[in-house]
């Protein structure tokens, strides 16, 4: 059983390497994948998210400061 498994694994590895070598020629020049489509949307979403977090942080800090000033003993 172990020998037949080893033989089967060896044959599959040999056939797998032949499939790797059976590729079509090199891609045409200048035919790279477009990067601008999704990357610019991700950058814009990151900037918007950062701006919202900064605005919320400043708003919370301002609210906390006014609450602290009102709770001082007279």
PDB file of N, CA and C in Angstrom:
ATOM      1  N   UNK A   1       0.831  -1.190   0.000  1.00  0.00           N
ATOM      2  CA  UNK A   1       0.000   0.000   0.000  1.00  0.00           C
ATOM      3  C   UNK A   1       0.879   1.258   0.000  1.00  0.00           C
ATOM      4  N   UNK A   2       1.914   1.235   0.854  1.00  0.00           N
ATOM      5  CA  UNK A   2       2.783   2.399   0.938  1.00  0.00           C
ATOM      6  C   UNK A   2       3.552   2.609  -0.377  1.00  0.00           C
ATOM      7  N   UNK A   3       3.980   1.503  -0.991  1.00  0.00           N
ATOM      8  CA  UNK A   3       4.717   1.617  -2.264  1.00  0.00           C
ATOM      9  C   UNK A   3       3.824   2.136  -3.376  1.00  0.00           C
ATOM     10  N   UNK A   4       2.567   1.710  -3.413  1.00  0.00           N
ATOM     11  CA  UNK A   4       1.676   2.185  -4.466  1.00  0.00           C
ATOM     12  C   UNK A   4       1.342   3.667  -4.275  1.00  0.00           C
ATOM     13  N   UNK A   5       1.224   4.077  -3.017  1.00  0.00           N
ATOM     14  CA  UNK A   5       0.985   5.498  -2.742  1.00  0.00           C
ATOM     15  C   UNK A   5       2.184   6.337  -3.162  1.00  0.00           C
ATOM     16  N   UNK A   6       3.384   5.865  -2.865  1.00  0.00           N
ATOM     17  CA  UNK A   6       4.600   6.583  -3.252  1.00  0.00           C
ATOM     18  C   UNK A   6       4.737   6.654  -4.768  1.00  0.00           C
ATOM     19  N   UNK A   7       4.403   5.564  -5.430  1.00  0.00           N
ATOM     20  CA  UNK A   7       4.471   5.545  -6.890  1.00  0.00           C
ATOM     21  C   UNK A   7       3.460   6.522  -7.495  1.00  0.00           C
ATOM     22  N   UNK A   8       2.248   6.518  -6.953  1.00  0.00           N
ATOM     23  CA  UNK A   8       1.210   7.427  -7.443  1.00  0.00           C
ATOM     24  C   UNK A   8       1.615   8.890  -7.199  1.00  0.00           C
ATOM     25  N   UNK A   9       2.158   9.175  -6.041  1.00  0.00           N
ATOM     26  CA  UNK A   9       2.612  10.533  -5.734  1.00  0.00           C
ATOM     27  C   UNK A   9       3.734  10.958  -6.665  1.00  0.00           C
ATOM     28  N   UNK A  10       4.667  10.063  -6.936  1.00  0.00           N
ATOM     29  CA  UNK A  10       5.765  10.376  -7.856  1.00  0.00           C
ATOM     30  C   UNK A  10       5.280  10.665  -9.260  1.00  0.00           C
ATOM     31  N   UNK A  11       4.330   9.863  -9.737  1.00  0.00           N
ATOM     32  CA  UNK A  11       3.790  10.072 -11.082  1.00  0.00           C
ATOM     33  C   UNK A  11       3.041  11.401 -11.153  1.00  0.00           C
ATOM     34  N   UNK A  12       2.267  11.715 -10.121  1.00  0.00           N
ATOM     35  CA  UNK A  12       1.541  12.992 -10.104  1.00  0.00           C
ATOM     36  C   UNK A  12       2.490  14.180 -10.077  1.00  0.00           C
ATOM     37  N   UNK A  13       3.574  14.069  -9.347  1.00  0.00           N
ATOM     38  CA  UNK A  13       4.555  15.154  -9.325  1.00  0.00           C
ATOM     39  C   UNK A  13       5.222  15.332 -10.689  1.00  0.00           C
ATOM     40  N   UNK A  14       5.547  14.235 -11.340  1.00  0.00           N
ATOM     41  CA  UNK A  14       6.147  14.337 -12.672  1.00  0.00           C
ATOM     42  C   UNK A  14       5.187  14.958 -13.673  1.00  0.00           C
ATOM     43  N   UNK A  15       3.929  14.538 -13.636  1.00  0.00           N
ATOM     44  CA  UNK A  15       2.950  15.115 -14.553  1.00  0.00           C
ATOM     45  C   UNK A  15       2.657  16.578 -14.219  1.00  0.00           C
ATOM     46  N   UNK A  16       2.695  16.921 -12.940  1.00  0.00           N
ATOM     47  CA  UNK A  16       2.459  18.309 -12.530  1.00  0.00           C
ATOM     48  C   UNK A  16       3.544  19.237 -13.014  1.00  0.00           C
ATOM     49  N   UNK A  17       4.795  18.767 -13.010  1.00  0.00           N
ATOM     50  CA  UNK A  17       5.874  19.625 -13.495  1.00  0.00           C
ATOM     51  C   UNK A  17       5.775  19.830 -14.992  1.00  0.00           C
ATOM     52  N   UNK A  18       5.280  18.841 -15.732  1.00  0.00           N
ATOM     53  CA  UNK A  18       5.095  19.006 -17.166  1.00  0.00           C
ATOM     54  C   UNK A  18       4.017  20.047 -17.460  1.00  0.00           C
ATOM     55  N   UNK A  19       3.000  20.111 -16.627  1.00  0.00           N
ATOM     56  CA  UNK A  19       1.941  21.102 -16.828  1.00  0.00           C
ATOM     57  C   UNK A  19       2.475  22.506 -16.582  1.00  0.00           C
ATOM     58  N   UNK A  20       3.426  22.646 -15.678  1.00  0.00           N
ATOM     59  CA  UNK A  20       4.001  23.964 -15.403  1.00  0.00           C
ATOM     60  C   UNK A  20       4.825  24.443 -16.594  1.00  0.00           C
ATOM     61  N   UNK A  21       5.538  23.553 -17.227  1.00  0.00           N
ATOM     62  CA  UNK A  21       6.361  23.933 -18.362  1.00  0.00           C
ATOM     63  C   UNK A  21       5.537  24.186 -19.623  1.00  0.00           C
ATOM     64  N   UNK A  22       4.305  23.739 -19.656  1.00  0.00           N
ATOM     65  CA  UNK A  22       3.479  23.853 -20.859  1.00  0.00           C
ATOM     66  C   UNK A  22       2.705  25.166 -20.884  1.00  0.00           C
ATOM     67  N   UNK A  23       3.383  26.262 -20.638  1.00  0.00           N
ATOM     68  CA  UNK A  23       2.730  27.559 -20.650  1.00  0.00           C
ATOM     69  C   UNK A  23       2.901  28.231 -22.006  1.00  0.00           C
ATOM     70  N   UNK A  24       2.032  29.185 -22.284  1.00  0.00           N
ATOM     71  CA  UNK A  24       2.112  29.970 -23.508  1.00  0.00           C
ATOM     72  C   UNK A  24       3.276  30.948 -23.361  1.00  0.00           C
ATOM     73  N   UNK A  25       3.738  31.517 -24.450  1.00  0.00           N
ATOM     74  CA  UNK A  25       4.868  32.435 -24.452  1.00  0.00           C
ATOM     75  C   UNK A  25       4.684  33.648 -23.528  1.00  0.00           C
ATOM     76  N   UNK A  26       5.652  34.534 -23.528  1.00  0.00           N
ATOM     77  CA  UNK A  26       5.594  35.690 -22.626  1.00  0.00           C
ATOM     78  C   UNK A  26       4.439  36.636 -22.986  1.00  0.00           C
ATOM     79  N   UNK A  27       3.960  37.389 -22.025  1.00  0.00           N
ATOM     80  CA  UNK A  27       2.856  38.314 -22.305  1.00  0.00           C
ATOM     81  C   UNK A  27       3.317  39.452 -23.221  1.00  0.00           C
ATOM     82  N   UNK A  28       2.386  40.081 -23.899  1.00  0.00           N
ATOM     83  CA  UNK A  28       2.765  41.191 -24.775  1.00  0.00           C
ATOM     84  C   UNK A  28       3.289  42.380 -23.948  1.00  0.00           C
ATOM     85  N   UNK A  29       4.190  43.161 -24.511  1.00  0.00           N
ATOM     86  CA  UNK A  29       4.749  44.292 -23.767  1.00  0.00           C
ATOM     87  C   UNK A  29       3.681  45.340 -23.462  1.00  0.00           C
ATOM     88  N   UNK A  30       3.760  45.908 -22.281  1.00  0.00           N
ATOM     89  CA  UNK A  30       2.841  46.967 -21.886  1.00  0.00           C
ATOM     90  C   UNK A  30       1.458  46.460 -21.517  1.00  0.00           C
ATOM     91  N   UNK A  31       1.296  45.195 -21.331  1.00  0.00           N
ATOM     92  CA  UNK A  31      -0.006  44.638 -21.032  1.00  0.00           C
ATOM     93  C   UNK A  31      -0.169  44.338 -19.554  1.00  0.00           C
ATOM     94  N   UNK A  32       0.330  45.174 -18.685  1.00  0.00           N
ATOM     95  CA  UNK A  32       0.233  44.931 -17.254  1.00  0.00           C
ATOM     96  C   UNK A  32      -1.174  45.134 -16.736  1.00  0.00           C
ATOM     97  N   UNK A  33      -1.406  44.695 -15.534  1.00  0.00           N
ATOM     98  CA  UNK A  33      -2.721  44.835 -14.910  1.00  0.00           C
ATOM     99  C   UNK A  33      -2.922  46.288 -14.481  1.00  0.00           C
ATOM    100  N   UNK A  34      -4.122  46.826 -14.650  1.00  0.00           N
ATOM    101  CA  UNK A  34      -4.363  48.204 -14.217  1.00  0.00           C
ATOM    102  C   UNK A  34      -4.359  48.300 -12.692  1.00  0.00           C
ATOM    103  N   UNK A  35      -3.631  49.259 -12.186  1.00  0.00           N
ATOM    104  CA  UNK A  35      -3.517  49.435 -10.744  1.00  0.00           C
ATOM    105  C   UNK A  35      -4.443  50.551 -10.284  1.00  0.00           C
ATOM    106  N   UNK A  36      -4.763  51.476 -11.149  1.00  0.00           N
ATOM    107  CA  UNK A  36      -5.470  52.684 -10.743  1.00  0.00           C
ATOM    108  C   UNK A  36      -6.902  52.422 -10.308  1.00  0.00           C
ATOM    109  N   UNK A  37      -7.579  51.451 -10.877  1.00  0.00           N
ATOM    110  CA  UNK A  37      -8.998  51.247 -10.613  1.00  0.00           C
ATOM    111  C   UNK A  37      -9.337  51.098  -9.148  1.00  0.00           C
ATOM    112  N   UNK A  38      -8.818  50.084  -8.484  1.00  0.00           N
ATOM    113  CA  UNK A  38      -9.170  49.825  -7.100  1.00  0.00           C
ATOM    114  C   UNK A  38      -8.306  50.579  -6.105  1.00  0.00           C
ATOM    115  N   UNK A  39      -7.067  50.830  -6.462  1.00  0.00           N
ATOM    116  CA  UNK A  39      -6.153  51.470  -5.519  1.00  0.00           C
ATOM    117  C   UNK A  39      -6.589  52.900  -5.203  1.00  0.00           C
ATOM    118  N   UNK A  40      -7.043  53.638  -6.200  1.00  0.00           N
ATOM    119  CA  UNK A  40      -7.458  55.016  -5.943  1.00  0.00           C
ATOM    120  C   UNK A  40      -8.721  55.047  -5.078  1.00  0.00           C
ATOM    121  N   UNK A  41      -9.620  54.074  -5.273  1.00  0.00           N
ATOM    122  CA  UNK A  41     -10.805  54.010  -4.416  1.00  0.00           C
ATOM    123  C   UNK A  41     -10.434  53.673  -2.976  1.00  0.00           C
ATOM    124  N   UNK A  42      -9.468  52.782  -2.792  1.00  0.00           N
ATOM    125  CA  UNK A  42      -9.033  52.443  -1.442  1.00  0.00           C
ATOM    126  C   UNK A  42      -8.356  53.626  -0.754  1.00  0.00           C
ATOM    127  N   UNK A  43      -7.556  54.380  -1.489  1.00  0.00           N
ATOM    128  CA  UNK A  43      -6.900  55.562  -0.919  1.00  0.00           C
ATOM    129  C   UNK A  43      -7.943  56.609  -0.541  1.00  0.00           C
ATOM    130  N   UNK A  44      -8.918  56.844  -1.413  1.00  0.00           N
ATOM    131  CA  UNK A  44      -9.968  57.821  -1.109  1.00  0.00           C
ATOM    132  C   UNK A  44     -10.792  57.386   0.095  1.00  0.00           C
ATOM    133  N   UNK A  45     -11.105  56.102   0.187  1.00  0.00           N
ATOM    134  CA  UNK A  45     -11.859  55.608   1.345  1.00  0.00           C
ATOM    135  C   UNK A  45     -11.042  55.748   2.624  1.00  0.00           C
ATOM    136  N   UNK A  46      -9.742  55.503   2.557  1.00  0.00           N
ATOM    137  CA  UNK A  46      -8.881  55.659   3.729  1.00  0.00           C
ATOM    138  C   UNK A  46      -8.797  57.095   4.190  1.00  0.00           C
ATOM    139  N   UNK A  47      -8.710  58.019   3.248  1.00  0.00           N
ATOM    140  CA  UNK A  47      -8.654  59.439   3.603  1.00  0.00           C
ATOM    141  C   UNK A  47      -9.969  59.883   4.235  1.00  0.00           C
ATOM    142  N   UNK A  48     -11.085  59.446   3.665  1.00  0.00           N
ATOM    143  CA  UNK A  48     -12.392  59.808   4.224  1.00  0.00           C
ATOM    144  C   UNK A  48     -12.570  59.221   5.624  1.00  0.00           C
ATOM    145  N   UNK A  49     -12.153  57.984   5.816  1.00  0.00           N
ATOM    146  CA  UNK A  49     -12.260  57.344   7.125  1.00  0.00           C
ATOM    147  C   UNK A  49     -11.384  58.065   8.153  1.00  0.00           C
ATOM    148  N   UNK A  50     -10.178  58.418   7.773  1.00  0.00           N
ATOM    149  CA  UNK A  50      -9.282  59.143   8.673  1.00  0.00           C
ATOM    150  C   UNK A  50      -9.822  60.515   9.039  1.00  0.00           C
ATOM    151  N   UNK A  51     -10.407  61.220   8.063  1.00  0.00           N
ATOM    152  CA  UNK A  51     -10.978  62.538   8.330  1.00  0.00           C
ATOM    153  C   UNK A  51     -12.164  62.433   9.289  1.00  0.00           C
ATOM    154  N   UNK A  52     -12.988  61.401   9.129  1.00  0.00           N
ATOM    155  CA  UNK A  52     -14.131  61.213  10.020  1.00  0.00           C
ATOM    156  C   UNK A  52     -13.660  60.890  11.432  1.00  0.00           C
ATOM    157  N   UNK A  53     -12.657  60.026  11.554  1.00  0.00           N
ATOM    158  CA  UNK A  53     -12.138  59.685  12.879  1.00  0.00           C
ATOM    159  C   UNK A  53     -11.537  60.913  13.554  1.00  0.00           C
ATOM    160  N   UNK A  54     -10.826  61.743  12.799  1.00  0.00           N
ATOM    161  CA  UNK A  54     -10.236  62.954  13.357  1.00  0.00           C
ATOM    162  C   UNK A  54     -11.318  63.921  13.799  1.00  0.00           C
ATOM    163  N   UNK A  55     -12.353  64.094  12.976  1.00  0.00           N
ATOM    164  CA  UNK A  55     -13.455  64.983  13.343  1.00  0.00           C
ATOM    165  C   UNK A  55     -14.190  64.484  14.583  1.00  0.00           C
ATOM    166  N   UNK A  56     -14.453  63.181  14.648  1.00  0.00           N
ATOM    167  CA  UNK A  56     -15.119  62.618  15.820  1.00  0.00           C
ATOM    168  C   UNK A  56     -14.261  62.764  17.074  1.00  0.00           C
ATOM    169  N   UNK A  57     -12.964  62.579  16.928  1.00  0.00           N
ATOM    170  CA  UNK A  57     -12.058  62.708  18.063  1.00  0.00           C
ATOM    171  C   UNK A  57     -12.053  64.142  18.594  1.00  0.00           C
ATOM    172  N   UNK A  58     -12.000  65.104  17.691  1.00  0.00           N
ATOM    173  CA  UNK A  58     -12.016  66.507  18.124  1.00  0.00           C
ATOM    174  C   UNK A  58     -13.357  66.876  18.744  1.00  0.00           C
ATOM    175  N   UNK A  59     -14.451  66.348  18.183  1.00  0.00           N
ATOM    176  CA  UNK A  59     -15.781  66.629  18.711  1.00  0.00           C
ATOM    177  C   UNK A  59     -15.928  66.043  20.123  1.00  0.00           C
ATOM    178  N   UNK A  60     -15.431  64.822  20.350  1.00  0.00           N
ATOM    179  CA  UNK A  60     -15.511  64.199  21.668  1.00  0.00           C
ATOM    180  C   UNK A  60     -14.641  64.933  22.673  1.00  0.00           C
ATOM    181  N   UNK A  61     -13.476  65.378  22.248  1.00  0.00           N
ATOM    182  CA  UNK A  61     -12.589  66.102  23.152  1.00  0.00           C
ATOM    183  C   UNK A  61     -13.223  67.430  23.548  1.00  0.00           C
ATOM    184  N   UNK A  62     -13.851  68.102  22.603  1.00  0.00           N
ATOM    185  CA  UNK A  62     -14.503  69.380  22.892  1.00  0.00           C
ATOM    186  C   UNK A  62     -15.682  69.179  23.841  1.00  0.00           C
ATOM    187  N   UNK A  63     -16.458  68.112  23.628  1.00  0.00           N
ATOM    188  CA  UNK A  63     -17.591  67.811  24.495  1.00  0.00           C
ATOM    189  C   UNK A  63     -17.112  67.455  25.897  1.00  0.00           C
ATOM    190  N   UNK A  64     -16.042  66.707  26.020  1.00  0.00           N
ATOM    191  CA  UNK A  64     -15.519  66.328  27.330  1.00  0.00           C
ATOM    192  C   UNK A  64     -14.982  67.533  28.076  1.00  0.00           C
ATOM    193  N   UNK A  65     -14.363  68.482  27.377  1.00  0.00           N
ATOM    194  CA  UNK A  65     -13.833  69.677  28.040  1.00  0.00           C
ATOM    195  C   UNK A  65     -14.959  70.547  28.575  1.00  0.00           C
ATOM    196  N   UNK A  66     -16.049  70.702  27.859  1.00  0.00           N
ATOM    197  CA  UNK A  66     -17.153  71.524  28.348  1.00  0.00           C
ATOM    198  C   UNK A  66     -17.850  70.846  29.512  1.00  0.00           C
ATOM    199  N   UNK A  67     -17.922  69.514  29.510  1.00  0.00           N
ATOM    200  CA  UNK A  67     -18.513  68.805  30.641  1.00  0.00           C
ATOM    201  C   UNK A  67     -17.633  68.921  31.873  1.00  0.00           C
ATOM    202  N   UNK A  68     -16.331  68.881  31.713  1.00  0.00           N
ATOM    203  CA  UNK A  68     -15.408  68.977  32.841  1.00  0.00           C
ATOM    204  C   UNK A  68     -15.477  70.364  33.459  1.00  0.00           C
ATOM    205  N   UNK A  69     -15.609  71.408  32.645  1.00  0.00           N
ATOM    206  CA  UNK A  69     -15.654  72.764  33.170  1.00  0.00           C
ATOM    207  C   UNK A  69     -16.952  73.006  33.952  1.00  0.00           C
ATOM    208  N   UNK A  70     -18.040  72.396  33.524  1.00  0.00           N
ATOM    209  CA  UNK A  70     -19.319  72.597  34.198  1.00  0.00           C
ATOM    210  C   UNK A  70     -19.397  71.843  35.519  1.00  0.00           C
ATOM    211  N   UNK A  71     -18.557  70.842  35.732  1.00  0.00           N
ATOM    212  CA  UNK A  71     -18.651  70.047  36.946  1.00  0.00           C
ATOM    213  C   UNK A  71     -17.716  70.532  38.036  1.00  0.00           C
ATOM    214  N   UNK A  72     -17.047  71.658  37.844  1.00  0.00           N
ATOM    215  CA  UNK A  72     -16.158  72.187  38.878  1.00  0.00           C
ATOM    216  C   UNK A  72     -16.978  72.725  40.041  1.00  0.00           C
ATOM    217  N   UNK A  73     -16.514  72.488  41.292  1.00  0.00           N
ATOM    218  CA  UNK A  73     -17.259  73.009  42.452  1.00  0.00           C
ATOM    219  C   UNK A  73     -17.185  74.537  42.510  1.00  0.00           C
ATOM    220  N   UNK A  74     -18.236  75.162  42.984  1.00  0.00           N
ATOM    221  CA  UNK A  74     -18.293  76.623  43.055  1.00  0.00           C
ATOM    222  C   UNK A  74     -17.763  77.131  44.374  1.00  0.00           C
TER     223      UNK A  74
END
